[in-house]
Amino acid sequence: LMRSTRAIGQICRADSSDGGLTWTAARA
C-alpha cells in the first residue's frame, strides 16, 4: 500500500506473486 499525491487522491496498491521480485503496476 502506498501514499499518493493529490492528483490521485487515494491510497494505491500493487501485488507480487514471486516473493517481491516483480510487482504489478499501482492502482488506486
mmCIF file of all heavy atoms, coordinates in Angstrom:
data_MODEL
# 
_entry.id   MODEL 
# 
loop_
_atom_site.group_PDB 
_atom_site.id 
_atom_site.type_symbol 
_atom_site.label_atom_id 
_atom_site.label_alt_id 
_atom_site.label_comp_id 
_atom_site.label_asym_id 
_atom_site.label_entity_id 
_atom_site.label_seq_id 
_atom_site.pdbx_PDB_ins_code 
_atom_site.Cartn_x 
_atom_site.Cartn_y 
_atom_site.Cartn_z 
_atom_site.occupancy 
_atom_site.B_iso_or_equiv 
_atom_site.pdbx_formal_charge 
_atom_site.auth_seq_id 
_atom_site.auth_comp_id 
_atom_site.auth_asym_id 
_atom_site.auth_atom_id 
_atom_site.pdbx_PDB_model_num 
ATOM 1   N N   . LEU A 1 1  ? 0.854  -1.172  0.000   1.00 0.00 ? 1  LEU A N   1 
ATOM 2   C CA  . LEU A 1 1  ? 0.000  0.000   0.000   1.00 0.00 ? 1  LEU A CA  1 
ATOM 3   C C   . LEU A 1 1  ? 0.893  1.226   0.000   1.00 0.00 ? 1  LEU A C   1 
ATOM 4   O O   . LEU A 1 1  ? 1.933  1.254   0.681   1.00 0.00 ? 1  LEU A O   1 
ATOM 5   C CB  . LEU A 1 1  ? -0.916 0.013   1.226   1.00 0.00 ? 1  LEU A CB  1 
ATOM 6   C CG  . LEU A 1 1  ? -1.867 -1.173  1.360   1.00 0.00 ? 1  LEU A CG  1 
ATOM 7   C CD1 . LEU A 1 1  ? -2.661 -1.056  2.649   1.00 0.00 ? 1  LEU A CD1 1 
ATOM 8   C CD2 . LEU A 1 1  ? -2.807 -1.274  0.162   1.00 0.00 ? 1  LEU A CD2 1 
ATOM 9   N N   . MET A 1 2  ? 0.499  2.282   -0.727  1.00 0.00 ? 2  MET A N   1 
ATOM 10  C CA  . MET A 1 2  ? 1.388  3.411   -0.973  1.00 0.00 ? 2  MET A CA  1 
ATOM 11  C C   . MET A 1 2  ? 0.675  4.742   -0.804  1.00 0.00 ? 2  MET A C   1 
ATOM 12  O O   . MET A 1 2  ? -0.501 4.880   -1.156  1.00 0.00 ? 2  MET A O   1 
ATOM 13  C CB  . MET A 1 2  ? 1.959  3.326   -2.391  1.00 0.00 ? 2  MET A CB  1 
ATOM 14  C CG  . MET A 1 2  ? 2.831  2.101   -2.624  1.00 0.00 ? 2  MET A CG  1 
ATOM 15  S SD  . MET A 1 2  ? 2.871  1.605   -4.371  1.00 0.00 ? 2  MET A SD  1 
ATOM 16  C CE  . MET A 1 2  ? 1.311  0.732   -4.525  1.00 0.00 ? 2  MET A CE  1 
ATOM 17  N N   . ARG A 1 3  ? 1.397  5.717   -0.289  1.00 0.00 ? 3  ARG A N   1 
ATOM 18  C CA  . ARG A 1 3  ? 0.958  7.112   -0.273  1.00 0.00 ? 3  ARG A CA  1 
ATOM 19  C C   . ARG A 1 3  ? 0.894  7.632   -1.702  1.00 0.00 ? 3  ARG A C   1 
ATOM 20  O O   . ARG A 1 3  ? 1.716  7.267   -2.551  1.00 0.00 ? 3  ARG A O   1 
ATOM 21  C CB  . ARG A 1 3  ? 1.959  7.925   0.544   1.00 0.00 ? 3  ARG A CB  1 
ATOM 22  C CG  . ARG A 1 3  ? 1.879  9.422   0.387   1.00 0.00 ? 3  ARG A CG  1 
ATOM 23  C CD  . ARG A 1 3  ? 3.019  10.080  1.150   1.00 0.00 ? 3  ARG A CD  1 
ATOM 24  N NE  . ARG A 1 3  ? 3.052  11.525  0.929   1.00 0.00 ? 3  ARG A NE  1 
ATOM 25  C CZ  . ARG A 1 3  ? 3.904  12.350  1.548   1.00 0.00 ? 3  ARG A CZ  1 
ATOM 26  N NH1 . ARG A 1 3  ? 4.772  11.865  2.420   1.00 0.00 ? 3  ARG A NH1 1 
ATOM 27  N NH2 . ARG A 1 3  ? 3.868  13.646  1.299   1.00 0.00 ? 3  ARG A NH2 1 
ATOM 28  N N   . SER A 1 4  ? -0.051 8.534   -1.965  1.00 0.00 ? 4  SER A N   1 
ATOM 29  C CA  . SER A 1 4  ? -0.161 9.105   -3.304  1.00 0.00 ? 4  SER A CA  1 
ATOM 30  C C   . SER A 1 4  ? -0.252 10.622  -3.246  1.00 0.00 ? 4  SER A C   1 
ATOM 31  O O   . SER A 1 4  ? -0.611 11.210  -2.226  1.00 0.00 ? 4  SER A O   1 
ATOM 32  C CB  . SER A 1 4  ? -1.404 8.559   -4.028  1.00 0.00 ? 4  SER A CB  1 
ATOM 33  O OG  . SER A 1 4  ? -2.589 9.149   -3.506  1.00 0.00 ? 4  SER A OG  1 
ATOM 34  N N   . THR A 1 5  ? 0.048  11.248  -4.367  1.00 0.00 ? 5  THR A N   1 
ATOM 35  C CA  . THR A 1 5  ? -0.152 12.683  -4.499  1.00 0.00 ? 5  THR A CA  1 
ATOM 36  C C   . THR A 1 5  ? -1.638 12.983  -4.601  1.00 0.00 ? 5  THR A C   1 
ATOM 37  O O   . THR A 1 5  ? -2.463 12.104  -4.868  1.00 0.00 ? 5  THR A O   1 
ATOM 38  C CB  . THR A 1 5  ? 0.552  13.221  -5.748  1.00 0.00 ? 5  THR A CB  1 
ATOM 39  O OG1 . THR A 1 5  ? 0.018  12.543  -6.897  1.00 0.00 ? 5  THR A OG1 1 
ATOM 40  C CG2 . THR A 1 5  ? 2.046  13.010  -5.685  1.00 0.00 ? 5  THR A CG2 1 
ATOM 41  N N   . ARG A 1 6  ? -1.974 14.273  -4.455  1.00 0.00 ? 6  ARG A N   1 
ATOM 42  C CA  . ARG A 1 6  ? -3.381 14.658  -4.514  1.00 0.00 ? 6  ARG A CA  1 
ATOM 43  C C   . ARG A 1 6  ? -3.961 14.493  -5.912  1.00 0.00 ? 6  ARG A C   1 
ATOM 44  O O   . ARG A 1 6  ? -5.184 14.446  -6.080  1.00 0.00 ? 6  ARG A O   1 
ATOM 45  C CB  . ARG A 1 6  ? -3.542 16.089  -4.015  1.00 0.00 ? 6  ARG A CB  1 
ATOM 46  C CG  . ARG A 1 6  ? -3.317 16.202  -2.513  1.00 0.00 ? 6  ARG A CG  1 
ATOM 47  C CD  . ARG A 1 6  ? -3.454 17.622  -2.021  1.00 0.00 ? 6  ARG A CD  1 
ATOM 48  N NE  . ARG A 1 6  ? -3.163 17.690  -0.596  1.00 0.00 ? 6  ARG A NE  1 
ATOM 49  C CZ  . ARG A 1 6  ? -3.039 18.815  0.100   1.00 0.00 ? 6  ARG A CZ  1 
ATOM 50  N NH1 . ARG A 1 6  ? -3.169 19.984  -0.532  1.00 0.00 ? 6  ARG A NH1 1 
ATOM 51  N NH2 . ARG A 1 6  ? -2.776 18.796  1.395   1.00 0.00 ? 6  ARG A NH2 1 
ATOM 52  N N   . ALA A 1 7  ? -3.102 14.399  -6.922  1.00 0.00 ? 7  ALA A N   1 
ATOM 53  C CA  . ALA A 1 7  ? -3.608 14.146  -8.268  1.00 0.00 ? 7  ALA A CA  1 
ATOM 54  C C   . ALA A 1 7  ? -4.322 12.796  -8.338  1.00 0.00 ? 7  ALA A C   1 
ATOM 55  O O   . ALA A 1 7  ? -5.271 12.618  -9.106  1.00 0.00 ? 7  ALA A O   1 
ATOM 56  C CB  . ALA A 1 7  ? -2.463 14.181  -9.277  1.00 0.00 ? 7  ALA A CB  1 
ATOM 57  N N   . ILE A 1 8  ? -3.862 11.829  -7.543  1.00 0.00 ? 8  ILE A N   1 
ATOM 58  C CA  . ILE A 1 8  ? -4.530 10.530  -7.448  1.00 0.00 ? 8  ILE A CA  1 
ATOM 59  C C   . ILE A 1 8  ? -5.555 10.578  -6.314  1.00 0.00 ? 8  ILE A C   1 
ATOM 60  O O   . ILE A 1 8  ? -6.707 10.195  -6.477  1.00 0.00 ? 8  ILE A O   1 
ATOM 61  C CB  . ILE A 1 8  ? -3.512 9.402   -7.211  1.00 0.00 ? 8  ILE A CB  1 
ATOM 62  C CG1 . ILE A 1 8  ? -2.508 9.351   -8.360  1.00 0.00 ? 8  ILE A CG1 1 
ATOM 63  C CG2 . ILE A 1 8  ? -4.214 8.058   -7.048  1.00 0.00 ? 8  ILE A CG2 1 
ATOM 64  C CD1 . ILE A 1 8  ? -1.382 8.358   -8.144  1.00 0.00 ? 8  ILE A CD1 1 
ATOM 65  N N   . GLY A 1 9  ? -5.121 11.009  -5.133  1.00 0.00 ? 9  GLY A N   1 
ATOM 66  C CA  . GLY A 1 9  ? -6.035 11.229  -4.022  1.00 0.00 ? 9  GLY A CA  1 
ATOM 67  C C   . GLY A 1 9  ? -6.499 9.998   -3.297  1.00 0.00 ? 9  GLY A C   1 
ATOM 68  O O   . GLY A 1 9  ? -7.382 10.069  -2.438  1.00 0.00 ? 9  GLY A O   1 
ATOM 69  N N   . GLN A 1 10 ? -5.925 8.839   -3.607  1.00 0.00 ? 10 GLN A N   1 
ATOM 70  C CA  . GLN A 1 10 ? -6.307 7.582   -2.947  1.00 0.00 ? 10 GLN A CA  1 
ATOM 71  C C   . GLN A 1 10 ? -5.040 6.797   -2.608  1.00 0.00 ? 10 GLN A C   1 
ATOM 72  O O   . GLN A 1 10 ? -4.033 6.894   -3.325  1.00 0.00 ? 10 GLN A O   1 
ATOM 73  C CB  . GLN A 1 10 ? -7.177 6.720   -3.869  1.00 0.00 ? 10 GLN A CB  1 
ATOM 74  C CG  . GLN A 1 10 ? -8.399 7.400   -4.453  1.00 0.00 ? 10 GLN A CG  1 
ATOM 75  C CD  . GLN A 1 10 ? -9.448 7.748   -3.434  1.00 0.00 ? 10 GLN A CD  1 
ATOM 76  O OE1 . GLN A 1 10 ? -9.927 8.876   -3.382  1.00 0.00 ? 10 GLN A OE1 1 
ATOM 77  N NE2 . GLN A 1 10 ? -9.797 6.784   -2.586  1.00 0.00 ? 10 GLN A NE2 1 
ATOM 78  N N   . ILE A 1 11 ? -5.083 6.020   -1.542  1.00 0.00 ? 11 ILE A N   1 
ATOM 79  C CA  . ILE A 1 11 ? -4.027 5.040   -1.318  1.00 0.00 ? 11 ILE A CA  1 
ATOM 80  C C   . ILE A 1 11 ? -3.984 4.089   -2.508  1.00 0.00 ? 11 ILE A C   1 
ATOM 81  O O   . ILE A 1 11 ? -5.021 3.710   -3.066  1.00 0.00 ? 11 ILE A O   1 
ATOM 82  C CB  . ILE A 1 11 ? -4.275 4.281   -0.002  1.00 0.00 ? 11 ILE A CB  1 
ATOM 83  C CG1 . ILE A 1 11 ? -4.051 5.219   1.202   1.00 0.00 ? 11 ILE A CG1 1 
ATOM 84  C CG2 . ILE A 1 11 ? -3.372 3.046   0.113   1.00 0.00 ? 11 ILE A CG2 1 
ATOM 85  C CD1 . ILE A 1 11 ? -4.396 4.607   2.535   1.00 0.00 ? 11 ILE A CD1 1 
ATOM 86  N N   . CYS A 1 12 ? -2.777 3.718   -2.916  1.00 0.00 ? 12 CYS A N   1 
ATOM 87  C CA  . CYS A 1 12 ? -2.612 2.820   -4.068  1.00 0.00 ? 12 CYS A CA  1 
ATOM 88  C C   . CYS A 1 12 ? -2.088 1.463   -3.618  1.00 0.00 ? 12 CYS A C   1 
ATOM 89  O O   . CYS A 1 12 ? -1.526 1.320   -2.525  1.00 0.00 ? 12 CYS A O   1 
ATOM 90  C CB  . CYS A 1 12 ? -1.666 3.439   -5.088  1.00 0.00 ? 12 CYS A CB  1 
ATOM 91  S SG  . CYS A 1 12 ? -2.346 4.889   -5.908  1.00 0.00 ? 12 CYS A SG  1 
ATOM 92  N N   . ARG A 1 13 ? -2.273 0.479   -4.479  1.00 0.00 ? 13 ARG A N   1 
ATOM 93  C CA  . ARG A 1 13 ? -1.879 -0.901  -4.181  1.00 0.00 ? 13 ARG A CA  1 
ATOM 94  C C   . ARG A 1 13 ? -1.165 -1.511  -5.376  1.00 0.00 ? 13 ARG A C   1 
ATOM 95  O O   . ARG A 1 13 ? -1.510 -1.259  -6.539  1.00 0.00 ? 13 ARG A O   1 
ATOM 96  C CB  . ARG A 1 13 ? -3.121 -1.738  -3.839  1.00 0.00 ? 13 ARG A CB  1 
ATOM 97  C CG  . ARG A 1 13 ? -2.832 -3.239  -3.711  1.00 0.00 ? 13 ARG A CG  1 
ATOM 98  C CD  . ARG A 1 13 ? -4.034 -4.002  -3.251  1.00 0.00 ? 13 ARG A CD  1 
ATOM 99  N NE  . ARG A 1 13 ? -3.765 -5.455  -3.270  1.00 0.00 ? 13 ARG A NE  1 
ATOM 100 C CZ  . ARG A 1 13 ? -4.355 -6.343  -2.487  1.00 0.00 ? 13 ARG A CZ  1 
ATOM 101 N NH1 . ARG A 1 13 ? -5.273 -5.947  -1.607  1.00 0.00 ? 13 ARG A NH1 1 
ATOM 102 N NH2 . ARG A 1 13 ? -4.042 -7.635  -2.559  1.00 0.00 ? 13 ARG A NH2 1 
ATOM 103 N N   . ALA A 1 14 ? -0.149 -2.354  -5.086  1.00 0.00 ? 14 ALA A N   1 
ATOM 104 C CA  . ALA A 1 14 ? 0.485  -3.213  -6.084  1.00 0.00 ? 14 ALA A CA  1 
ATOM 105 C C   . ALA A 1 14 ? 0.673  -4.594  -5.469  1.00 0.00 ? 14 ALA A C   1 
ATOM 106 O O   . ALA A 1 14 ? 0.714  -4.740  -4.238  1.00 0.00 ? 14 ALA A O   1 
ATOM 107 C CB  . ALA A 1 14 ? 1.829  -2.636  -6.528  1.00 0.00 ? 14 ALA A CB  1 
ATOM 108 N N   . ASP A 1 15 ? 0.794  -5.626  -6.325  1.00 0.00 ? 15 ASP A N   1 
ATOM 109 C CA  . ASP A 1 15 ? 0.841  -7.010  -5.855  1.00 0.00 ? 15 ASP A CA  1 
ATOM 110 C C   . ASP A 1 15 ? 2.047  -7.745  -6.421  1.00 0.00 ? 15 ASP A C   1 
ATOM 111 O O   . ASP A 1 15 ? 2.524  -7.438  -7.519  1.00 0.00 ? 15 ASP A O   1 
ATOM 112 C CB  . ASP A 1 15 ? -0.437 -7.745  -6.275  1.00 0.00 ? 15 ASP A CB  1 
ATOM 113 C CG  . ASP A 1 15 ? -1.676 -7.186  -5.613  1.00 0.00 ? 15 ASP A CG  1 
ATOM 114 O OD1 . ASP A 1 15 ? -2.216 -6.178  -6.111  1.00 0.00 ? 15 ASP A OD1 1 
ATOM 115 O OD2 . ASP A 1 15 ? -2.091 -7.737  -4.583  1.00 0.00 ? 15 ASP A OD2 1 
ATOM 116 N N   . SER A 1 16 ? 2.522  -8.735  -5.657  1.00 0.00 ? 16 SER A N   1 
ATOM 117 C CA  . SER A 1 16 ? 3.626  -9.587  -6.103  1.00 0.00 ? 16 SER A CA  1 
ATOM 118 C C   . SER A 1 16 ? 3.296  -11.043 -5.777  1.00 0.00 ? 16 SER A C   1 
ATOM 119 O O   . SER A 1 16 ? 2.887  -11.359 -4.655  1.00 0.00 ? 16 SER A O   1 
ATOM 120 C CB  . SER A 1 16 ? 4.931  -9.198  -5.403  1.00 0.00 ? 16 SER A CB  1 
ATOM 121 O OG  . SER A 1 16 ? 5.971  -10.110 -5.730  1.00 0.00 ? 16 SER A OG  1 
ATOM 122 N N   . SER A 1 17 ? 3.506  -11.910 -6.749  1.00 0.00 ? 17 SER A N   1 
ATOM 123 C CA  . SER A 1 17 ? 3.275  -13.347 -6.546  1.00 0.00 ? 17 SER A CA  1 
ATOM 124 C C   . SER A 1 17 ? 4.572  -14.138 -6.541  1.00 0.00 ? 17 SER A C   1 
ATOM 125 O O   . SER A 1 17 ? 4.533  -15.377 -6.515  1.00 0.00 ? 17 SER A O   1 
ATOM 126 C CB  . SER A 1 17 ? 2.345  -13.886 -7.637  1.00 0.00 ? 17 SER A CB  1 
ATOM 127 O OG  . SER A 1 17 ? 2.907  -13.686 -8.921  1.00 0.00 ? 17 SER A OG  1 
ATOM 128 N N   . ASP A 1 18 ? 5.734  -13.450 -6.548  1.00 0.00 ? 18 ASP A N   1 
ATOM 129 C CA  . ASP A 1 18 ? 7.014  -14.165 -6.609  1.00 0.00 ? 18 ASP A CA  1 
ATOM 130 C C   . ASP A 1 18 ? 7.991  -13.687 -5.533  1.00 0.00 ? 18 ASP A C   1 
ATOM 131 O O   . ASP A 1 18 ? 9.189  -13.565 -5.778  1.00 0.00 ? 18 ASP A O   1 
ATOM 132 C CB  . ASP A 1 18 ? 7.637  -14.015 -8.003  1.00 0.00 ? 18 ASP A CB  1 
ATOM 133 C CG  . ASP A 1 18 ? 7.821  -12.560 -8.419  1.00 0.00 ? 18 ASP A CG  1 
ATOM 134 O OD1 . ASP A 1 18 ? 7.626  -11.664 -7.579  1.00 0.00 ? 18 ASP A OD1 1 
ATOM 135 O OD2 . ASP A 1 18 ? 8.184  -12.333 -9.598  1.00 0.00 ? 18 ASP A OD2 1 
ATOM 136 N N   . GLY A 1 19 ? 7.465  -13.413 -4.346  1.00 0.00 ? 19 GLY A N   1 
ATOM 137 C CA  . GLY A 1 19 ? 8.341  -13.049 -3.234  1.00 0.00 ? 19 GLY A CA  1 
ATOM 138 C C   . GLY A 1 19 ? 8.937  -11.662 -3.339  1.00 0.00 ? 19 GLY A C   1 
ATOM 139 O O   . GLY A 1 19 ? 9.997  -11.403 -2.775  1.00 0.00 ? 19 GLY A O   1 
ATOM 140 N N   . GLY A 1 20 ? 8.284  -10.783 -4.066  1.00 0.00 ? 20 GLY A N   1 
ATOM 141 C CA  . GLY A 1 20 ? 8.750  -9.404  -4.159  1.00 0.00 ? 20 GLY A CA  1 
ATOM 142 C C   . GLY A 1 20 ? 9.730  -9.135  -5.273  1.00 0.00 ? 20 GLY A C   1 
ATOM 143 O O   . GLY A 1 20 ? 10.280 -8.036  -5.351  1.00 0.00 ? 20 GLY A O   1 
ATOM 144 N N   . LEU A 1 21 ? 9.938  -10.097 -6.167  1.00 0.00 ? 21 LEU A N   1 
ATOM 145 C CA  . LEU A 1 21 ? 10.851 -9.874  -7.291  1.00 0.00 ? 21 LEU A CA  1 
ATOM 146 C C   . LEU A 1 21 ? 10.223 -8.991  -8.359  1.00 0.00 ? 21 LEU A C   1 
ATOM 147 O O   . LEU A 1 21 ? 10.893 -8.136  -8.942  1.00 0.00 ? 21 LEU A O   1 
ATOM 148 C CB  . LEU A 1 21 ? 11.269 -11.215 -7.895  1.00 0.00 ? 21 LEU A CB  1 
ATOM 149 C CG  . LEU A 1 21 ? 12.265 -12.038 -7.068  1.00 0.00 ? 21 LEU A CG  1 
ATOM 150 C CD1 . LEU A 1 21 ? 12.394 -13.451 -7.627  1.00 0.00 ? 21 LEU A CD1 1 
ATOM 151 C CD2 . LEU A 1 21 ? 13.620 -11.356 -7.023  1.00 0.00 ? 21 LEU A CD2 1 
ATOM 152 N N   . THR A 1 22 ? 8.948  -9.204  -8.632  1.00 0.00 ? 22 THR A N   1 
ATOM 153 C CA  . THR A 1 22 ? 8.234  -8.362  -9.592  1.00 0.00 ? 22 THR A CA  1 
ATOM 154 C C   . THR A 1 22 ? 6.912  -7.940  -8.982  1.00 0.00 ? 22 THR A C   1 
ATOM 155 O O   . THR A 1 22 ? 6.343  -8.634  -8.119  1.00 0.00 ? 22 THR A O   1 
ATOM 156 C CB  . THR A 1 22 ? 7.969  -9.110  -10.916 1.00 0.00 ? 22 THR A CB  1 
ATOM 157 O OG1 . THR A 1 22 ? 7.153  -10.269 -10.655 1.00 0.00 ? 22 THR A OG1 1 
ATOM 158 C CG2 . THR A 1 22 ? 9.281  -9.555  -11.551 1.00 0.00 ? 22 THR A CG2 1 
ATOM 159 N N   . TRP A 1 23 ? 6.407  -6.792  -9.468  1.00 0.00 ? 23 TRP A N   1 
ATOM 160 C CA  . TRP A 1 23 ? 5.194  -6.205  -8.918  1.00 0.00 ? 23 TRP A CA  1 
ATOM 161 C C   . TRP A 1 23 ? 4.302  -5.707  -10.046 1.00 0.00 ? 23 TRP A C   1 
ATOM 162 O O   . TRP A 1 23 ? 4.785  -5.289  -11.106 1.00 0.00 ? 23 TRP A O   1 
ATOM 163 C CB  . TRP A 1 23 ? 5.538  -5.028  -7.998  1.00 0.00 ? 23 TRP A CB  1 
ATOM 164 C CG  . TRP A 1 23 ? 6.297  -5.447  -6.771  1.00 0.00 ? 23 TRP A CG  1 
ATOM 165 C CD1 . TRP A 1 23 ? 7.641  -5.677  -6.675  1.00 0.00 ? 23 TRP A CD1 1 
ATOM 166 C CD2 . TRP A 1 23 ? 5.750  -5.714  -5.481  1.00 0.00 ? 23 TRP A CD2 1 
ATOM 167 N NE1 . TRP A 1 23 ? 7.972  -6.065  -5.396  1.00 0.00 ? 23 TRP A NE1 1 
ATOM 168 C CE2 . TRP A 1 23 ? 6.827  -6.093  -4.642  1.00 0.00 ? 23 TRP A CE2 1 
ATOM 169 C CE3 . TRP A 1 23 ? 4.465  -5.653  -4.952  1.00 0.00 ? 23 TRP A CE3 1 
ATOM 170 C CZ2 . TRP A 1 23 ? 6.652  -6.418  -3.293  1.00 0.00 ? 23 TRP A CZ2 1 
ATOM 171 C CZ3 . TRP A 1 23 ? 4.282  -5.976  -3.601  1.00 0.00 ? 23 TRP A CZ3 1 
ATOM 172 C CH2 . TRP A 1 23 ? 5.368  -6.355  -2.800  1.00 0.00 ? 23 TRP A CH2 1 
ATOM 173 N N   . THR A 1 24 ? 3.004  -5.733  -9.810  1.00 0.00 ? 24 THR A N   1 
ATOM 174 C CA  . THR A 1 24 ? 2.075  -5.148  -10.759 1.00 0.00 ? 24 THR A CA  1 
ATOM 175 C C   . THR A 1 24 ? 2.204  -3.622  -10.720 1.00 0.00 ? 24 THR A C   1 
ATOM 176 O O   . THR A 1 24 ? 2.811  -3.055  -9.799  1.00 0.00 ? 24 THR A O   1 
ATOM 177 C CB  . THR A 1 24 ? 0.630  -5.516  -10.403 1.00 0.00 ? 24 THR A CB  1 
ATOM 178 O OG1 . THR A 1 24 ? 0.287  -4.929  -9.140  1.00 0.00 ? 24 THR A OG1 1 
ATOM 179 C CG2 . THR A 1 24 ? 0.451  -7.023  -10.325 1.00 0.00 ? 24 THR A CG2 1 
ATOM 180 N N   . ALA A 1 25 ? 1.643  -2.958  -11.701 1.00 0.00 ? 25 ALA A N   1 
ATOM 181 C CA  . ALA A 1 25 ? 1.523  -1.500  -11.635 1.00 0.00 ? 25 ALA A CA  1 
ATOM 182 C C   . ALA A 1 25 ? 0.614  -1.129  -10.471 1.00 0.00 ? 25 ALA A C   1 
ATOM 183 O O   . ALA A 1 25 ? -0.242 -1.913  -10.041 1.00 0.00 ? 25 ALA A O   1 
ATOM 184 C CB  . ALA A 1 25 ? 0.962  -0.959  -12.942 1.00 0.00 ? 25 ALA A CB  1 
ATOM 185 N N   . ALA A 1 26 ? 0.817  0.072   -9.954  1.00 0.00 ? 26 ALA A N   1 
ATOM 186 C CA  . ALA A 1 26 ? -0.020 0.542   -8.853  1.00 0.00 ? 26 ALA A CA  1 
ATOM 187 C C   . ALA A 1 26 ? -1.397 0.942   -9.365  1.00 0.00 ? 26 ALA A C   1 
ATOM 188 O O   . ALA A 1 26 ? -1.540 1.442   -10.479 1.00 0.00 ? 26 ALA A O   1 
ATOM 189 C CB  . ALA A 1 26 ? 0.649  1.732   -8.175  1.00 0.00 ? 26 ALA A CB  1 
ATOM 190 N N   . ARG A 1 27 ? -2.393 0.718   -8.535  1.00 0.00 ? 27 ARG A N   1 
ATOM 191 C CA  . ARG A 1 27 ? -3.754 1.138   -8.844  1.00 0.00 ? 27 ARG A CA  1 
ATOM 192 C C   . ARG A 1 27 ? -4.366 1.794   -7.610  1.00 0.00 ? 27 ARG A C   1 
ATOM 193 O O   . ARG A 1 27 ? -4.063 1.410   -6.473  1.00 0.00 ? 27 ARG A O   1 
ATOM 194 C CB  . ARG A 1 27 ? -4.607 -0.038  -9.292  1.00 0.00 ? 27 ARG A CB  1 
ATOM 195 C CG  . ARG A 1 27 ? -4.830 -1.100  -8.230  1.00 0.00 ? 27 ARG A CG  1 
ATOM 196 C CD  . ARG A 1 27 ? -5.539 -2.313  -8.799  1.00 0.00 ? 27 ARG A CD  1 
ATOM 197 N NE  . ARG A 1 27 ? -5.926 -3.289  -7.779  1.00 0.00 ? 27 ARG A NE  1 
ATOM 198 C CZ  . ARG A 1 27 ? -5.120 -4.194  -7.266  1.00 0.00 ? 27 ARG A CZ  1 
ATOM 199 N NH1 . ARG A 1 27 ? -3.851 -4.264  -7.671  1.00 0.00 ? 27 ARG A NH1 1 
ATOM 200 N NH2 . ARG A 1 27 ? -5.567 -5.050  -6.352  1.00 0.00 ? 27 ARG A NH2 1 
ATOM 201 N N   . ALA A 1 28 ? -5.216 2.772   -7.831  1.00 0.00 ? 28 ALA A N   1 
ATOM 202 C CA  . ALA A 1 28 ? -5.852 3.492   -6.736  1.00 0.00 ? 28 ALA A CA  1 
ATOM 203 C C   . ALA A 1 28 ? -6.970 2.653   -6.125  1.00 0.00 ? 28 ALA A C   1 
ATOM 204 O O   . ALA A 1 28 ? -7.689 1.935   -6.833  1.00 0.00 ? 28 ALA A O   1 
ATOM 205 C CB  . ALA A 1 28 ? -6.395 4.821   -7.231  1.00 0.00 ? 28 ALA A CB  1 
# 
